[in-house]
Amino acid sequence: MHFAQLPAVDAAAVPSDGFLLDVRENDEWAAGHAEGALHLPMSELVARYGELTEAVADGRRVHVVCRVGGRSAQVAQYLIGQGLDAVNVDGGMLAWEAAGRPLVADSGEQAFVL
């Protein structure tokens, strides 16, 4: 699948107060995620779409992230089609971790990208 016109941003360039939507699966999220991110697995996005629109009712940009950027690209494209201001986080959570951005784990132990 090719996303020629899909807006993307480097993980290091996501504002610290930016809105992050993590579309990875539950086990990936539990291992390590960005604090304050909204977790909506890609497989549940349509069913739980209202949670997202409620969270960004102020019209702020949605930074969509997965592990490497494939799933999030599909979700960002969908969200743009729904009229939201969405961008794909290039390189996903692997790039987030590599850029030294903070991670937290559900277990309270050392967080990592699964």
PDB file of N, CA and C in Angstrom:
ATOM      1  N   MET A   1       0.845  -1.178   0.000  1.00  0.00           N
ATOM      2  CA  MET A   1       0.000   0.000   0.000  1.00  0.00           C
ATOM      3  C   MET A   1       0.889   1.239   0.000  1.00  0.00           C
ATOM      4  N   HIS A   2       0.557   2.230  -0.803  1.00  0.00           N
ATOM      5  CA  HIS A   2       1.399   3.414  -0.936  1.00  0.00           C
ATOM      6  C   HIS A   2       0.655   4.644  -0.441  1.00  0.00           C
ATOM      7  N   PHE A   3       1.334   5.438   0.373  1.00  0.00           N
ATOM      8  CA  PHE A   3       0.714   6.636   0.954  1.00  0.00           C
ATOM      9  C   PHE A   3       1.474   7.871   0.490  1.00  0.00           C
ATOM     10  N   ALA A   4       1.279   8.228  -0.775  1.00  0.00           N
ATOM     11  CA  ALA A   4       2.057   9.304  -1.374  1.00  0.00           C
ATOM     12  C   ALA A   4       1.845  10.648  -0.675  1.00  0.00           C
ATOM     13  N   GLN A   5       0.613  10.992  -0.379  1.00  0.00           N
ATOM     14  CA  GLN A   5       0.329  12.314   0.170  1.00  0.00           C
ATOM     15  C   GLN A   5       0.107  12.315   1.677  1.00  0.00           C
ATOM     16  N   LEU A   6       0.454  11.229   2.344  1.00  0.00           N
ATOM     17  CA  LEU A   6       0.201  11.124   3.773  1.00  0.00           C
ATOM     18  C   LEU A   6       1.189  11.976   4.561  1.00  0.00           C
ATOM     19  N   PRO A   7       0.682  12.933   5.362  1.00  0.00           N
ATOM     20  CA  PRO A   7       1.598  13.726   6.171  1.00  0.00           C
ATOM     21  C   PRO A   7       2.241  12.878   7.264  1.00  0.00           C
ATOM     22  N   ALA A   8       3.526  13.076   7.464  1.00  0.00           N
ATOM     23  CA  ALA A   8       4.259  12.315   8.477  1.00  0.00           C
ATOM     24  C   ALA A   8       5.173  13.260   9.241  1.00  0.00           C
ATOM     25  N   VAL A   9       5.522  12.846  10.445  1.00  0.00           N
ATOM     26  CA  VAL A   9       6.418  13.619  11.294  1.00  0.00           C
ATOM     27  C   VAL A   9       7.381  12.641  11.969  1.00  0.00           C
ATOM     28  N   ASP A  10       8.625  13.078  12.165  1.00  0.00           N
ATOM     29  CA  ASP A  10       9.591  12.247  12.877  1.00  0.00           C
ATOM     30  C   ASP A  10       9.197  12.148  14.341  1.00  0.00           C
ATOM     31  N   ALA A  11       9.487  11.003  14.961  1.00  0.00           N
ATOM     32  CA  ALA A  11       9.161  10.800  16.370  1.00  0.00           C
ATOM     33  C   ALA A  11       9.771  11.898  17.240  1.00  0.00           C
ATOM     34  N   ALA A  12      10.976  12.312  16.902  1.00  0.00           N
ATOM     35  CA  ALA A  12      11.661  13.341  17.693  1.00  0.00           C
ATOM     36  C   ALA A  12      10.974  14.701  17.579  1.00  0.00           C
ATOM     37  N   ALA A  13      10.158  14.879  16.531  1.00  0.00           N
ATOM     38  CA  ALA A  13       9.516  16.177  16.292  1.00  0.00           C
ATOM     39  C   ALA A  13       8.097  16.273  16.845  1.00  0.00           C
ATOM     40  N   VAL A  14       7.579  15.192  17.432  1.00  0.00           N
ATOM     41  CA  VAL A  14       6.239  15.252  18.035  1.00  0.00           C
ATOM     42  C   VAL A  14       6.334  16.154  19.262  1.00  0.00           C
ATOM     43  N   PRO A  15       5.489  17.189  19.342  1.00  0.00           N
ATOM     44  CA  PRO A  15       5.566  18.081  20.503  1.00  0.00           C
ATOM     45  C   PRO A  15       5.344  17.310  21.804  1.00  0.00           C
ATOM     46  N   SER A  16       6.011  17.730  22.876  1.00  0.00           N
ATOM     47  CA  SER A  16       5.883  17.021  24.155  1.00  0.00           C
ATOM     48  C   SER A  16       4.445  17.052  24.660  1.00  0.00           C
ATOM     49  N   ASP A  17       3.688  18.071  24.257  1.00  0.00           N
ATOM     50  CA  ASP A  17       2.279  18.143  24.653  1.00  0.00           C
ATOM     51  C   ASP A  17       1.355  17.715  23.516  1.00  0.00           C
ATOM     52  N   GLY A  18       1.937  17.093  22.477  1.00  0.00           N
ATOM     53  CA  GLY A  18       1.143  16.658  21.333  1.00  0.00           C
ATOM     54  C   GLY A  18       0.251  15.479  21.692  1.00  0.00           C
ATOM     55  N   PHE A  19      -0.836  15.329  20.954  1.00  0.00           N
ATOM     56  CA  PHE A  19      -1.769  14.229  21.185  1.00  0.00           C
ATOM     57  C   PHE A  19      -1.291  13.015  20.405  1.00  0.00           C
ATOM     58  N   LEU A  20      -1.047  11.904  21.113  1.00  0.00           N
ATOM     59  CA  LEU A  20      -0.519  10.688  20.495  1.00  0.00           C
ATOM     60  C   LEU A  20      -1.566   9.583  20.562  1.00  0.00           C
ATOM     61  N   LEU A  21      -1.868   8.998  19.407  1.00  0.00           N
ATOM     62  CA  LEU A  21      -2.782   7.855  19.320  1.00  0.00           C
ATOM     63  C   LEU A  21      -1.959   6.625  18.995  1.00  0.00           C
ATOM     64  N   ASP A  22      -1.934   5.665  19.915  1.00  0.00           N
ATOM     65  CA  ASP A  22      -1.162   4.433  19.755  1.00  0.00           C
ATOM     66  C   ASP A  22      -2.121   3.346  19.291  1.00  0.00           C
ATOM     67  N   VAL A  23      -1.882   2.798  18.090  1.00  0.00           N
ATOM     68  CA  VAL A  23      -2.807   1.820  17.502  1.00  0.00           C
ATOM     69  C   VAL A  23      -2.261   0.389  17.563  1.00  0.00           C
ATOM     70  N   ARG A  24      -1.237   0.163  18.415  1.00  0.00           N
ATOM     71  CA  ARG A  24      -0.680  -1.182  18.551  1.00  0.00           C
ATOM     72  C   ARG A  24      -1.603  -2.064  19.386  1.00  0.00           C
ATOM     73  N   GLU A  25      -1.310  -3.345  19.390  1.00  0.00           N
ATOM     74  CA  GLU A  25      -2.110  -4.301  20.144  1.00  0.00           C
ATOM     75  C   GLU A  25      -1.797  -4.201  21.640  1.00  0.00           C
ATOM     76  N   ASN A  26      -2.639  -4.829  22.462  1.00  0.00           N
ATOM     77  CA  ASN A  26      -2.534  -4.709  23.917  1.00  0.00           C
ATOM     78  C   ASN A  26      -1.176  -5.134  24.475  1.00  0.00           C
ATOM     79  N   ASP A  27      -0.595  -6.235  23.955  1.00  0.00           N
ATOM     80  CA  ASP A  27       0.690  -6.693  24.483  1.00  0.00           C
ATOM     81  C   ASP A  27       1.806  -5.702  24.156  1.00  0.00           C
ATOM     82  N   GLU A  28       1.737  -5.092  22.979  1.00  0.00           N
ATOM     83  CA  GLU A  28       2.728  -4.100  22.589  1.00  0.00           C
ATOM     84  C   GLU A  28       2.623  -2.867  23.485  1.00  0.00           C
ATOM     85  N   TRP A  29       1.385  -2.428  23.734  1.00  0.00           N
ATOM     86  CA  TRP A  29       1.118  -1.265  24.582  1.00  0.00           C
ATOM     87  C   TRP A  29       1.635  -1.514  26.000  1.00  0.00           C
ATOM     88  N   ALA A  30       1.337  -2.702  26.546  1.00  0.00           N
ATOM     89  CA  ALA A  30       1.709  -3.018  27.921  1.00  0.00           C
ATOM     90  C   ALA A  30       3.223  -2.991  28.119  1.00  0.00           C
ATOM     91  N   ALA A  31       3.980  -3.428  27.105  1.00  0.00           N
ATOM     92  CA  ALA A  31       5.443  -3.493  27.209  1.00  0.00           C
ATOM     93  C   ALA A  31       6.066  -2.106  27.306  1.00  0.00           C
ATOM     94  N   GLY A  32       5.513  -1.154  26.568  1.00  0.00           N
ATOM     95  CA  GLY A  32       6.062   0.201  26.601  1.00  0.00           C
ATOM     96  C   GLY A  32       5.298   1.132  25.699  1.00  0.00           C
ATOM     97  N   HIS A  33       4.923   2.291  26.245  1.00  0.00           N
ATOM     98  CA  HIS A  33       4.183   3.284  25.464  1.00  0.00           C
ATOM     99  C   HIS A  33       4.516   4.677  25.969  1.00  0.00           C
ATOM    100  N   ALA A  34       4.110   5.660  25.190  1.00  0.00           N
ATOM    101  CA  ALA A  34       4.318   7.053  25.588  1.00  0.00           C
ATOM    102  C   ALA A  34       3.280   7.419  26.645  1.00  0.00           C
ATOM    103  N   GLU A  35       3.733   8.042  27.710  1.00  0.00           N
ATOM    104  CA  GLU A  35       2.822   8.449  28.770  1.00  0.00           C
ATOM    105  C   GLU A  35       1.825   9.464  28.214  1.00  0.00           C
ATOM    106  N   GLY A  36       0.559   9.274  28.547  1.00  0.00           N
ATOM    107  CA  GLY A  36      -0.474  10.204  28.100  1.00  0.00           C
ATOM    108  C   GLY A  36      -1.068   9.885  26.742  1.00  0.00           C
ATOM    109  N   ALA A  37      -0.528   8.869  26.062  1.00  0.00           N
ATOM    110  CA  ALA A  37      -1.067   8.490  24.752  1.00  0.00           C
ATOM    111  C   ALA A  37      -2.439   7.833  24.926  1.00  0.00           C
ATOM    112  N   LEU A  38      -3.269   7.954  23.905  1.00  0.00           N
ATOM    113  CA  LEU A  38      -4.543   7.239  23.875  1.00  0.00           C
ATOM    114  C   LEU A  38      -4.295   5.921  23.161  1.00  0.00           C
ATOM    115  N   HIS A  39      -4.706   4.813  23.795  1.00  0.00           N
ATOM    116  CA  HIS A  39      -4.494   3.491  23.202  1.00  0.00           C
ATOM    117  C   HIS A  39      -5.797   2.993  22.595  1.00  0.00           C
ATOM    118  N   LEU A  40      -5.831   2.914  21.273  1.00  0.00           N
ATOM    119  CA  LEU A  40      -6.953   2.326  20.538  1.00  0.00           C
ATOM    120  C   LEU A  40      -6.353   1.372  19.510  1.00  0.00           C
ATOM    121  N   PRO A  41      -6.309   0.064  19.796  1.00  0.00           N
ATOM    122  CA  PRO A  41      -5.750  -0.868  18.806  1.00  0.00           C
ATOM    123  C   PRO A  41      -6.439  -0.697  17.451  1.00  0.00           C
ATOM    124  N   MET A  42      -5.666  -0.827  16.394  1.00  0.00           N
ATOM    125  CA  MET A  42      -6.195  -0.644  15.044  1.00  0.00           C
ATOM    126  C   MET A  42      -7.460  -1.474  14.826  1.00  0.00           C
ATOM    127  N   SER A  43      -7.472  -2.688  15.362  1.00  0.00           N
ATOM    128  CA  SER A  43      -8.616  -3.583  15.168  1.00  0.00           C
ATOM    129  C   SER A  43      -9.884  -3.080  15.872  1.00  0.00           C
ATOM    130  N   GLU A  44      -9.743  -2.166  16.831  1.00  0.00           N
ATOM    131  CA  GLU A  44     -10.892  -1.646  17.584  1.00  0.00           C
ATOM    132  C   GLU A  44     -11.218  -0.201  17.234  1.00  0.00           C
ATOM    133  N   LEU A  45     -10.451   0.393  16.328  1.00  0.00           N
ATOM    134  CA  LEU A  45     -10.569   1.825  16.065  1.00  0.00           C
ATOM    135  C   LEU A  45     -11.975   2.256  15.654  1.00  0.00           C
ATOM    136  N   VAL A  46     -12.552   1.566  14.702  1.00  0.00           N
ATOM    137  CA  VAL A  46     -13.865   1.981  14.212  1.00  0.00           C
ATOM    138  C   VAL A  46     -14.914   1.869  15.322  1.00  0.00           C
ATOM    139  N   ALA A  47     -14.868   0.771  16.088  1.00  0.00           N
ATOM    140  CA  ALA A  47     -15.843   0.567  17.168  1.00  0.00           C
ATOM    141  C   ALA A  47     -15.690   1.602  18.281  1.00  0.00           C
ATOM    142  N   ARG A  48     -14.460   2.062  18.506  1.00  0.00           N
ATOM    143  CA  ARG A  48     -14.191   2.982  19.616  1.00  0.00           C
ATOM    144  C   ARG A  48     -13.868   4.392  19.130  1.00  0.00           C
ATOM    145  N   TYR A  49     -14.264   4.714  17.902  1.00  0.00           N
ATOM    146  CA  TYR A  49     -13.933   5.991  17.268  1.00  0.00           C
ATOM    147  C   TYR A  49     -14.372   7.189  18.111  1.00  0.00           C
ATOM    148  N   GLY A  50     -15.498   7.059  18.799  1.00  0.00           N
ATOM    149  CA  GLY A  50     -16.009   8.156  19.618  1.00  0.00           C
ATOM    150  C   GLY A  50     -15.048   8.579  20.707  1.00  0.00           C
ATOM    151  N   GLU A  51     -14.263   7.631  21.230  1.00  0.00           N
ATOM    152  CA  GLU A  51     -13.276   7.967  22.261  1.00  0.00           C
ATOM    153  C   GLU A  51     -12.231   8.926  21.697  1.00  0.00           C
ATOM    154  N   LEU A  52     -11.869   8.712  20.445  1.00  0.00           N
ATOM    155  CA  LEU A  52     -10.879   9.574  19.799  1.00  0.00           C
ATOM    156  C   LEU A  52     -11.462  10.951  19.520  1.00  0.00           C
ATOM    157  N   THR A  53     -12.646  10.996  18.918  1.00  0.00           N
ATOM    158  CA  THR A  53     -13.209  12.302  18.569  1.00  0.00           C
ATOM    159  C   THR A  53     -13.493  13.132  19.819  1.00  0.00           C
ATOM    160  N   GLU A  54     -13.836  12.473  20.907  1.00  0.00           N
ATOM    161  CA  GLU A  54     -14.052  13.176  22.167  1.00  0.00           C
ATOM    162  C   GLU A  54     -12.733  13.751  22.690  1.00  0.00           C
ATOM    163  N   ALA A  55     -11.658  12.982  22.537  1.00  0.00           N
ATOM    164  CA  ALA A  55     -10.350  13.404  23.032  1.00  0.00           C
ATOM    165  C   ALA A  55      -9.761  14.565  22.236  1.00  0.00           C
ATOM    166  N   VAL A  56     -10.134  14.669  20.969  1.00  0.00           N
ATOM    167  CA  VAL A  56      -9.596  15.750  20.134  1.00  0.00           C
ATOM    168  C   VAL A  56     -10.695  16.697  19.671  1.00  0.00           C
ATOM    169  N   ALA A  57     -11.700  16.883  20.525  1.00  0.00           N
ATOM    170  CA  ALA A  57     -12.815  17.770  20.188  1.00  0.00           C
ATOM    171  C   ALA A  57     -12.338  19.206  19.959  1.00  0.00           C
ATOM    172  N   ASP A  58     -11.170  19.543  20.517  1.00  0.00           N
ATOM    173  CA  ASP A  58     -10.622  20.891  20.344  1.00  0.00           C
ATOM    174  C   ASP A  58      -9.921  21.057  18.999  1.00  0.00           C
ATOM    175  N   GLY A  59      -9.947  20.010  18.174  1.00  0.00           N
ATOM    176  CA  GLY A  59      -9.388  20.107  16.829  1.00  0.00           C
ATOM    177  C   GLY A  59      -7.887  19.944  16.737  1.00  0.00           C
ATOM    178  N   ARG A  60      -7.248  19.511  17.839  1.00  0.00           N
ATOM    179  CA  ARG A  60      -5.796  19.389  17.768  1.00  0.00           C
ATOM    180  C   ARG A  60      -5.363  18.213  16.902  1.00  0.00           C
ATOM    181  N   ARG A  61      -4.123  18.273  16.484  1.00  0.00           N
ATOM    182  CA  ARG A  61      -3.548  17.261  15.595  1.00  0.00           C
ATOM    183  C   ARG A  61      -3.402  15.921  16.303  1.00  0.00           C
ATOM    184  N   VAL A  62      -3.701  14.851  15.576  1.00  0.00           N
ATOM    185  CA  VAL A  62      -3.547  13.487  16.083  1.00  0.00           C
ATOM    186  C   VAL A  62      -2.266  12.908  15.490  1.00  0.00           C
ATOM    187  N   HIS A  63      -1.306  12.576  16.352  1.00  0.00           N
ATOM    188  CA  HIS A  63      -0.068  11.920  15.926  1.00  0.00           C
ATOM    189  C   HIS A  63      -0.298  10.427  16.101  1.00  0.00           C
ATOM    190  N   VAL A  64      -0.376   9.692  14.987  1.00  0.00           N
ATOM    191  CA  VAL A  64      -0.708   8.268  15.032  1.00  0.00           C
ATOM    192  C   VAL A  64       0.576   7.447  15.003  1.00  0.00           C
ATOM    193  N   VAL A  65       0.674   6.488  15.949  1.00  0.00           N
ATOM    194  CA  VAL A  65       1.899   5.704  16.056  1.00  0.00           C
ATOM    195  C   VAL A  65       1.584   4.216  16.205  1.00  0.00           C
ATOM    196  N   CYS A  66       2.447   3.380  15.620  1.00  0.00           N
ATOM    197  CA  CYS A  66       2.405   1.928  15.846  1.00  0.00           C
ATOM    198  C   CYS A  66       3.848   1.501  16.110  1.00  0.00           C
ATOM    199  N   ARG A  67       4.232   0.299  15.743  1.00  0.00           N
ATOM    200  CA  ARG A  67       5.601  -0.150  16.019  1.00  0.00           C
ATOM    201  C   ARG A  67       6.598   0.466  15.044  1.00  0.00           C
ATOM    202  N   VAL A  68       6.315   0.373  13.741  1.00  0.00           N
ATOM    203  CA  VAL A  68       7.255   0.890  12.745  1.00  0.00           C
ATOM    204  C   VAL A  68       6.649   1.904  11.775  1.00  0.00           C
ATOM    205  N   GLY A  69       5.336   2.064  11.768  1.00  0.00           N
ATOM    206  CA  GLY A  69       4.729   3.072  10.914  1.00  0.00           C
ATOM    207  C   GLY A  69       3.758   2.578   9.868  1.00  0.00           C
ATOM    208  N   GLY A  70       3.588   1.263   9.716  1.00  0.00           N
ATOM    209  CA  GLY A  70       2.679   0.724   8.704  1.00  0.00           C
ATOM    210  C   GLY A  70       1.215   0.817   9.090  1.00  0.00           C
ATOM    211  N   ARG A  71       0.877   0.280  10.252  1.00  0.00           N
ATOM    212  CA  ARG A  71      -0.510   0.333  10.721  1.00  0.00           C
ATOM    213  C   ARG A  71      -0.940   1.778  10.961  1.00  0.00           C
ATOM    214  N   SER A  72      -0.034   2.561  11.533  1.00  0.00           N
ATOM    215  CA  SER A  72      -0.393   3.952  11.833  1.00  0.00           C
ATOM    216  C   SER A  72      -0.614   4.752  10.554  1.00  0.00           C
ATOM    217  N   ALA A  73       0.093   4.408   9.487  1.00  0.00           N
ATOM    218  CA  ALA A  73      -0.127   5.097   8.208  1.00  0.00           C
ATOM    219  C   ALA A  73      -1.543   4.833   7.711  1.00  0.00           C
ATOM    220  N   GLN A  74      -1.997   3.588   7.835  1.00  0.00           N
ATOM    221  CA  GLN A  74      -3.357   3.261   7.408  1.00  0.00           C
ATOM    222  C   GLN A  74      -4.388   3.992   8.259  1.00  0.00           C
ATOM    223  N   VAL A  75      -4.154   4.047   9.577  1.00  0.00           N
ATOM    224  CA  VAL A  75      -5.085   4.719  10.474  1.00  0.00           C
ATOM    225  C   VAL A  75      -5.082   6.223  10.215  1.00  0.00           C
ATOM    226  N   ALA A  76      -3.897   6.810  10.029  1.00  0.00           N
ATOM    227  CA  ALA A  76      -3.826   8.252   9.759  1.00  0.00           C
ATOM    228  C   ALA A  76      -4.589   8.585   8.483  1.00  0.00           C
ATOM    229  N   GLN A  77      -4.431   7.755   7.466  1.00  0.00           N
ATOM    230  CA  GLN A  77      -5.147   7.988   6.212  1.00  0.00           C
ATOM    231  C   GLN A  77      -6.662   7.927   6.441  1.00  0.00           C
ATOM    232  N   TYR A  78      -7.109   6.970   7.233  1.00  0.00           N
ATOM    233  CA  TYR A  78      -8.535   6.843   7.573  1.00  0.00           C
ATOM    234  C   TYR A  78      -9.018   8.091   8.310  1.00  0.00           C
ATOM    235  N   LEU A  79      -8.250   8.539   9.305  1.00  0.00           N
ATOM    236  CA  LEU A  79      -8.654   9.696  10.107  1.00  0.00           C
ATOM    237  C   LEU A  79      -8.731  10.966   9.266  1.00  0.00           C
ATOM    238  N   ILE A  80      -7.763  11.130   8.354  1.00  0.00           N
ATOM    239  CA  ILE A  80      -7.791  12.280   7.450  1.00  0.00           C
ATOM    240  C   ILE A  80      -9.065  12.229   6.611  1.00  0.00           C
ATOM    241  N   GLY A  81      -9.430  11.018   6.167  1.00  0.00           N
ATOM    242  CA  GLY A  81     -10.667  10.837   5.404  1.00  0.00           C
ATOM    243  C   GLY A  81     -11.911  11.197   6.203  1.00  0.00           C
ATOM    244  N   GLN A  82     -11.795  11.113   7.543  1.00  0.00           N
ATOM    245  CA  GLN A  82     -12.908  11.473   8.423  1.00  0.00           C
ATOM    246  C   GLN A  82     -12.878  12.956   8.786  1.00  0.00           C
ATOM    247  N   GLY A  83     -11.912  13.674   8.243  1.00  0.00           N
ATOM    248  CA  GLY A  83     -11.840  15.117   8.480  1.00  0.00           C
ATOM    249  C   GLY A  83     -10.986  15.539   9.661  1.00  0.00           C
ATOM    250  N   LEU A  84     -10.235  14.600  10.253  1.00  0.00           N
ATOM    251  CA  LEU A  84      -9.375  14.965  11.370  1.00  0.00           C
ATOM    252  C   LEU A  84      -8.000  15.405  10.871  1.00  0.00           C
ATOM    253  N   ASP A  85      -7.319  16.204  11.670  1.00  0.00           N
ATOM    254  CA  ASP A  85      -5.945  16.614  11.387  1.00  0.00           C
ATOM    255  C   ASP A  85      -5.042  15.527  11.945  1.00  0.00           C
ATOM    256  N   ALA A  86      -4.622  14.585  11.103  1.00  0.00           N
ATOM    257  CA  ALA A  86      -3.834  13.442  11.558  1.00  0.00           C
ATOM    258  C   ALA A  86      -2.529  13.347  10.778  1.00  0.00           C
ATOM    259  N   VAL A  87      -1.474  12.907  11.479  1.00  0.00           N
ATOM    260  CA  VAL A  87      -0.183  12.664  10.842  1.00  0.00           C
ATOM    261  C   VAL A  87       0.360  11.331  11.338  1.00  0.00           C
ATOM    262  N   ASN A  88       1.115  10.685  10.480  1.00  0.00           N
ATOM    263  CA  ASN A  88       1.753   9.424  10.838  1.00  0.00           C
ATOM    264  C   ASN A  88       3.097   9.721  11.500  1.00  0.00           C
ATOM    265  N   VAL A  89       3.390   9.026  12.614  1.00  0.00           N
ATOM    266  CA  VAL A  89       4.701   9.166  13.243  1.00  0.00           C
ATOM    267  C   VAL A  89       5.647   8.219  12.518  1.00  0.00           C
ATOM    268  N   ASP A  90       6.550   8.803  11.737  1.00  0.00           N
ATOM    269  CA  ASP A  90       7.469   8.060  10.891  1.00  0.00           C
ATOM    270  C   ASP A  90       8.386   7.179  11.739  1.00  0.00           C
ATOM    271  N   GLY A  91       8.433   5.886  11.437  1.00  0.00           N
ATOM    272  CA  GLY A  91       9.300   4.978  12.171  1.00  0.00           C
ATOM    273  C   GLY A  91       8.675   4.419  13.438  1.00  0.00           C
ATOM    274  N   GLY A  92       7.498   4.906  13.800  1.00  0.00           N
ATOM    275  CA  GLY A  92       6.740   4.366  14.916  1.00  0.00           C
ATOM    276  C   GLY A  92       7.435   4.437  16.266  1.00  0.00           C
ATOM    277  N   MET A  93       7.024   3.527  17.155  1.00  0.00           N
ATOM    278  CA  MET A  93       7.552   3.507  18.513  1.00  0.00           C
ATOM    279  C   MET A  93       9.024   3.106  18.552  1.00  0.00           C
ATOM    280  N   LEU A  94       9.508   2.381  17.536  1.00  0.00           N
ATOM    281  CA  LEU A  94      10.937   2.064  17.484  1.00  0.00           C
ATOM    282  C   LEU A  94      11.732   3.355  17.317  1.00  0.00           C
ATOM    283  N   ALA A  95      11.238   4.260  16.460  1.00  0.00           N
ATOM    284  CA  ALA A  95      11.902   5.554  16.273  1.00  0.00           C
ATOM    285  C   ALA A  95      11.734   6.424  17.518  1.00  0.00           C
ATOM    286  N   TRP A  96      10.577   6.326  18.167  1.00  0.00           N
ATOM    287  CA  TRP A  96      10.312   7.072  19.403  1.00  0.00           C
ATOM    288  C   TRP A  96      11.359   6.690  20.464  1.00  0.00           C
ATOM    289  N   GLU A  97      11.533   5.374  20.634  1.00  0.00           N
ATOM    290  CA  GLU A  97      12.500   4.872  21.616  1.00  0.00           C
ATOM    291  C   GLU A  97      13.922   5.283  21.228  1.00  0.00           C
ATOM    292  N   ALA A  98      14.261   5.159  19.948  1.00  0.00           N
ATOM    293  CA  ALA A  98      15.598   5.501  19.464  1.00  0.00           C
ATOM    294  C   ALA A  98      15.900   6.987  19.638  1.00  0.00           C
ATOM    295  N   ALA A  99      14.864   7.812  19.589  1.00  0.00           N
ATOM    296  CA  ALA A  99      15.035   9.263  19.746  1.00  0.00           C
ATOM    297  C   ALA A  99      15.152   9.659  21.219  1.00  0.00           C
ATOM    298  N   GLY A 100      15.044   8.661  22.106  1.00  0.00           N
ATOM    299  CA  GLY A 100      15.165   8.944  23.525  1.00  0.00           C
ATOM    300  C   GLY A 100      13.906   9.521  24.151  1.00  0.00           C
ATOM    301  N   ARG A 101      12.783   9.372  23.444  1.00  0.00           N
ATOM    302  CA  ARG A 101      11.519   9.866  24.003  1.00  0.00           C
ATOM    303  C   ARG A 101      11.087   8.942  25.138  1.00  0.00           C
ATOM    304  N   PRO A 102      10.422   9.471  26.172  1.00  0.00           N
ATOM    305  CA  PRO A 102      10.095   8.647  27.342  1.00  0.00           C
ATOM    306  C   PRO A 102       9.072   7.558  27.058  1.00  0.00           C
ATOM    307  N   LEU A 103       9.243   6.432  27.755  1.00  0.00           N
ATOM    308  CA  LEU A 103       8.343   5.287  27.666  1.00  0.00           C
ATOM    309  C   LEU A 103       7.939   4.864  29.068  1.00  0.00           C
ATOM    310  N   VAL A 104       6.714   4.370  29.207  1.00  0.00           N
ATOM    311  CA  VAL A 104       6.260   3.769  30.464  1.00  0.00           C
ATOM    312  C   VAL A 104       5.671   2.406  30.139  1.00  0.00           C
ATOM    313  N   ALA A 105       5.705   1.513  31.130  1.00  0.00           N
ATOM    314  CA  ALA A 105       5.140   0.167  30.968  1.00  0.00           C
ATOM    315  C   ALA A 105       4.012  -0.024  31.967  1.00  0.00           C
ATOM    316  N   ASP A 106       3.014  -0.807  31.595  1.00  0.00           N
ATOM    317  CA  ASP A 106       1.892  -1.086  32.505  1.00  0.00           C
ATOM    318  C   ASP A 106       2.362  -1.752  33.791  1.00  0.00           C
ATOM    319  N   SER A 107       3.440  -2.540  33.704  1.00  0.00           N
ATOM    320  CA  SER A 107       3.912  -3.296  34.865  1.00  0.00           C
ATOM    321  C   SER A 107       4.666  -2.438  35.865  1.00  0.00           C
ATOM    322  N   GLY A 108       5.068  -1.240  35.436  1.00  0.00           N
ATOM    323  CA  GLY A 108       5.892  -0.393  36.284  1.00  0.00           C
ATOM    324  C   GLY A 108       7.371  -0.742  36.162  1.00  0.00           C
ATOM    325  N   GLU A 109       7.684  -1.785  35.401  1.00  0.00           N
ATOM    326  CA  GLU A 109       9.081  -2.192  35.182  1.00  0.00           C
ATOM    327  C   GLU A 109       9.655  -1.414  34.004  1.00  0.00           C
ATOM    328  N   GLN A 110      10.872  -1.748  33.640  1.00  0.00           N
ATOM    329  CA  GLN A 110      11.547  -1.070  32.528  1.00  0.00           C
ATOM    330  C   GLN A 110      10.705  -1.220  31.249  1.00  0.00           C
ATOM    331  N   ALA A 111      10.381  -0.098  30.634  1.00  0.00           N
ATOM    332  CA  ALA A 111       9.567  -0.111  29.412  1.00  0.00           C
ATOM    333  C   ALA A 111      10.440  -0.370  28.196  1.00  0.00           C
ATOM    334  N   PHE A 112       9.872  -1.030  27.204  1.00  0.00           N
ATOM    335  CA  PHE A 112      10.571  -1.282  25.947  1.00  0.00           C
ATOM    336  C   PHE A 112       9.540  -1.418  24.843  1.00  0.00           C
ATOM    337  N   VAL A 113       9.991  -1.284  23.601  1.00  0.00           N
ATOM    338  CA  VAL A 113       9.090  -1.446  22.461  1.00  0.00           C
ATOM    339  C   VAL A 113       9.119  -2.891  22.026  1.00  0.00           C
ATOM    340  N   LEU A 114       7.957  -3.524  22.056  1.00  0.00           N
ATOM    341  CA  LEU A 114       7.811  -4.930  21.693  1.00  0.00           C
ATOM    342  C   LEU A 114       7.697  -5.074  20.198  1.00  0.00           C
TER     343      LEU A 114
END
